[in-house]
Amino acid sequence: MAAVLYEVAFGLLLGFSLTIPPGPMNAFIAAQAVRSFREGLTTGFGALSADLLLGGIVFGLHAEFDLAAAVRWVYLLGAAVMVALGVTIVRGASAHPPPPTSGVRTYSKAFGIGLANPFQIVWWLTAGLAFAYVGGWVLFVALFAAVAVWVVLFPWGVRSGTQQRPGFARAVVVASGAAVFAFAGYFLYLAL
């Protein structure tokens, strides 16, 4: 029983270490949550799906290949994706933000960004890879339970805050766009 509780606690900790730190995906979730809670939630579940796929790849390949050699290219691709994402977010910072888009489109965009997000990829190649060596299915379930909690609570909090202070919505979108551009520059720096 103690081993199971340890795996649950460790999995929750790993899941929150992946989702809570400020990064491009949280900036994108915040920018979408300003539009509606549904948009923020759909974006979060797109990111969670990307993590499921990345986690599956790392688990499947961890014993076969040295994945660390690809990190430079991950940063370069990530920088390009972050510039495109930043432009999209800043365009949404107009005085009258566009209406929410379809759930499938939002989900697909978040899923694609999650697959190209260097933070997510590098996390899976480091902490996630270590997790692949020590973790069982309980750890895996706990990790994704933490991610699921975050992708529900974070957009809910942003949406609630912007509804109470409507002027705050524009600031969230502008700050999100600026954060994404800063991450693009940082990823480019790391690649060079």
Protein backbone atom coordinates (compact mmCIF):
# COMPACT_ATOMS: atom_id res chain seq x y z
CA MET A 1 0.00 0.00 0.00
CA ALA A 2 2.83 2.41 0.83
CA ALA A 3 4.39 1.77 -2.60
CA VAL A 4 1.10 2.64 -4.34
CA LEU A 5 0.73 5.86 -2.31
CA TYR A 6 4.32 6.76 -3.17
CA GLU A 7 3.65 6.22 -6.88
CA VAL A 8 0.45 8.31 -6.73
CA ALA A 9 2.23 11.17 -4.92
CA PHE A 10 5.23 11.00 -7.26
CA GLY A 11 2.97 10.91 -10.33
CA LEU A 12 0.95 13.91 -9.13
CA LEU A 13 4.16 15.84 -8.46
CA LEU A 14 5.50 15.03 -11.92
CA GLY A 15 2.21 15.99 -13.55
CA PHE A 16 2.11 19.36 -11.83
CA SER A 17 5.81 19.94 -12.65
CA LEU A 18 4.87 19.54 -16.31
CA THR A 19 1.80 21.79 -16.31
CA ILE A 20 2.09 24.55 -13.71
CA PRO A 21 5.32 26.37 -14.67
CA PRO A 22 4.75 29.39 -16.91
CA GLY A 23 5.36 28.48 -20.51
CA PRO A 24 4.03 28.85 -24.02
CA MET A 25 1.17 26.39 -23.57
CA ASN A 26 -0.12 28.06 -20.41
CA ALA A 27 0.08 31.41 -22.25
CA PHE A 28 -1.98 29.93 -25.08
CA ILE A 29 -4.51 28.40 -22.67
CA ALA A 30 -4.86 31.78 -20.92
CA ALA A 31 -5.36 33.62 -24.22
CA GLN A 32 -8.07 31.15 -25.24
CA ALA A 33 -9.75 31.17 -21.80
CA VAL A 34 -10.25 34.92 -22.16
CA ARG A 35 -12.61 34.12 -25.05
CA SER A 36 -14.51 31.44 -23.15
CA PHE A 37 -13.99 28.74 -20.57
CA ARG A 38 -14.78 26.16 -23.26
CA GLU A 39 -11.98 27.50 -25.49
CA GLY A 40 -9.49 27.38 -22.61
CA LEU A 41 -10.61 23.89 -21.60
CA THR A 42 -10.44 22.60 -25.18
CA THR A 43 -6.95 24.08 -25.53
CA GLY A 44 -5.89 22.39 -22.31
CA PHE A 45 -7.17 19.02 -23.45
CA GLY A 46 -5.30 19.44 -26.74
CA ALA A 47 -2.12 19.97 -24.72
CA LEU A 48 -2.93 16.96 -22.54
CA SER A 49 -3.38 14.80 -25.65
CA ALA A 50 0.00 15.94 -26.95
CA ASP A 51 1.52 14.92 -23.62
CA LEU A 52 -0.12 11.50 -23.89
CA LEU A 53 1.41 11.02 -27.34
CA LEU A 54 4.85 12.33 -26.30
CA GLY A 55 4.76 10.17 -23.17
CA GLY A 56 3.85 7.14 -25.25
CA ILE A 57 6.72 7.80 -27.65
CA VAL A 58 9.24 8.25 -24.84
CA PHE A 59 8.02 5.10 -23.11
CA GLY A 60 8.10 3.15 -26.35
CA LEU A 61 11.53 4.30 -27.48
CA HIS A 62 13.44 4.91 -24.25
CA ALA A 63 15.29 1.62 -24.41
CA GLU A 64 15.90 1.69 -28.17
CA PHE A 65 17.25 5.15 -29.05
CA ASP A 66 19.23 8.06 -27.63
CA LEU A 67 16.59 10.77 -28.03
CA ALA A 68 18.82 13.54 -26.62
CA ALA A 69 20.52 14.13 -30.02
CA ALA A 70 17.31 15.68 -31.41
CA VAL A 71 17.02 18.41 -28.78
CA ARG A 72 18.66 21.16 -30.91
CA TRP A 73 16.14 20.59 -33.70
CA VAL A 74 13.33 20.54 -31.18
CA TYR A 75 14.34 24.05 -30.06
CA LEU A 76 14.55 25.35 -33.64
CA LEU A 77 11.15 23.94 -34.59
CA GLY A 78 9.71 25.15 -31.30
CA ALA A 79 10.98 28.69 -31.88
CA ALA A 80 9.27 28.81 -35.27
CA VAL A 81 6.00 27.46 -33.86
CA MET A 82 6.12 29.94 -30.96
CA VAL A 83 6.53 32.89 -33.36
CA ALA A 84 3.46 31.74 -35.30
CA LEU A 85 1.54 31.25 -32.05
CA GLY A 86 2.60 34.68 -30.78
CA VAL A 87 1.32 36.33 -33.95
CA THR A 88 -2.00 34.53 -33.57
CA ILE A 89 -2.35 35.58 -29.93
CA VAL A 90 -1.43 39.22 -30.58
CA ARG A 91 -3.97 39.40 -33.42
CA GLY A 92 -6.58 38.32 -30.87
CA ALA A 93 -5.67 41.24 -28.61
CA SER A 94 -7.79 43.73 -30.57
CA ALA A 95 -10.42 45.73 -28.74
CA HIS A 96 -13.04 43.24 -29.93
CA PRO A 97 -11.58 39.74 -29.77
CA PRO A 98 -12.91 37.32 -32.36
CA PRO A 99 -15.65 34.93 -31.28
CA PRO A 100 -14.70 31.45 -30.09
CA THR A 101 -13.77 29.02 -32.84
CA SER A 102 -14.94 25.45 -33.25
CA GLY A 103 -13.85 22.98 -30.60
CA VAL A 104 -12.17 20.73 -33.16
CA ARG A 105 -10.09 23.59 -34.55
CA THR A 106 -9.03 24.79 -31.10
CA TYR A 107 -8.20 21.27 -29.96
CA SER A 108 -6.19 20.50 -33.12
CA LYS A 109 -4.22 23.72 -32.84
CA ALA A 110 -3.37 23.08 -29.17
CA PHE A 111 -2.46 19.48 -29.95
CA GLY A 112 -0.09 20.58 -32.73
CA ILE A 113 1.48 23.28 -30.58
CA GLY A 114 1.91 20.76 -27.76
CA LEU A 115 3.76 18.40 -30.09
CA ALA A 116 6.11 21.20 -31.16
CA ASN A 117 6.51 22.87 -27.74
CA PRO A 118 10.16 22.45 -26.71
CA PHE A 119 9.26 22.63 -23.01
CA GLN A 120 6.91 19.67 -23.35
CA ILE A 121 9.32 17.70 -25.53
CA VAL A 122 12.37 18.40 -23.37
CA TRP A 123 10.38 17.61 -20.21
CA TRP A 124 9.49 14.22 -21.66
CA LEU A 125 13.09 13.61 -22.77
CA THR A 126 14.36 14.36 -19.24
CA ALA A 127 11.90 13.95 -16.35
CA GLY A 128 9.54 11.89 -18.47
CA LEU A 129 12.34 9.58 -19.55
CA ALA A 130 13.40 9.07 -15.94
CA PHE A 131 9.75 8.41 -15.14
CA ALA A 132 9.69 5.75 -17.88
CA TYR A 133 12.43 3.86 -16.08
CA VAL A 134 10.97 3.99 -12.57
CA GLY A 135 7.22 4.26 -13.06
CA GLY A 136 4.41 1.81 -13.35
CA TRP A 137 0.84 2.33 -14.50
CA VAL A 138 -0.19 3.93 -11.17
CA LEU A 139 2.45 6.62 -11.61
CA PHE A 140 1.31 7.18 -15.19
CA VAL A 141 -2.36 7.56 -14.18
CA ALA A 142 -1.47 9.95 -11.34
CA LEU A 143 0.68 12.07 -13.67
CA PHE A 144 -2.15 12.53 -16.14
CA ALA A 145 -4.68 13.08 -13.34
CA ALA A 146 -2.59 16.09 -12.27
CA VAL A 147 -2.46 17.37 -15.87
CA ALA A 148 -6.26 16.96 -16.18
CA VAL A 149 -6.84 18.90 -12.96
CA TRP A 150 -4.63 21.75 -14.18
CA VAL A 151 -6.22 22.00 -17.64
CA VAL A 152 -9.62 22.41 -15.98
CA LEU A 153 -8.71 24.72 -13.10
CA PHE A 154 -6.33 27.05 -14.95
CA PRO A 155 -8.73 28.17 -17.72
CA TRP A 156 -11.56 28.35 -15.20
CA GLY A 157 -9.48 30.70 -13.03
CA VAL A 158 -8.47 32.89 -15.99
CA ARG A 159 -12.04 33.07 -17.28
CA SER A 160 -13.45 33.87 -13.84
CA GLY A 161 -10.89 36.61 -13.34
CA THR A 162 -11.52 38.22 -16.71
CA GLN A 163 -15.30 38.14 -16.21
CA GLN A 164 -14.94 40.00 -12.92
CA ARG A 165 -12.58 42.54 -14.49
CA PRO A 166 -13.33 42.80 -18.22
CA GLY A 167 -10.35 45.15 -18.83
CA PHE A 168 -8.08 42.41 -17.53
CA ALA A 169 -8.83 40.23 -20.57
CA ARG A 170 -6.80 42.38 -22.96
CA ALA A 171 -3.88 42.45 -20.52
CA VAL A 172 -3.94 38.63 -20.29
CA VAL A 173 -3.88 38.28 -24.08
CA VAL A 174 -1.09 40.85 -24.55
CA ALA A 175 0.98 39.30 -21.74
CA SER A 176 0.40 35.84 -23.21
CA GLY A 177 1.57 36.98 -26.65
CA ALA A 178 4.64 38.67 -25.16
CA ALA A 179 5.48 35.54 -23.16
CA VAL A 180 5.24 33.34 -26.26
CA PHE A 181 7.56 35.66 -28.23
CA ALA A 182 10.01 35.63 -25.32
CA PHE A 183 9.97 31.82 -25.30
CA ALA A 184 10.55 31.80 -29.06
CA GLY A 185 13.67 33.92 -28.55
CA TYR A 186 14.83 31.74 -25.68
CA PHE A 187 14.37 28.54 -27.70
CA LEU A 188 16.32 30.08 -30.59
CA TYR A 189 19.09 31.02 -28.16
CA LEU A 190 19.21 27.46 -26.81
CA ALA A 191 19.39 26.02 -30.33
CA LEU A 192 22.32 28.20 -31.34
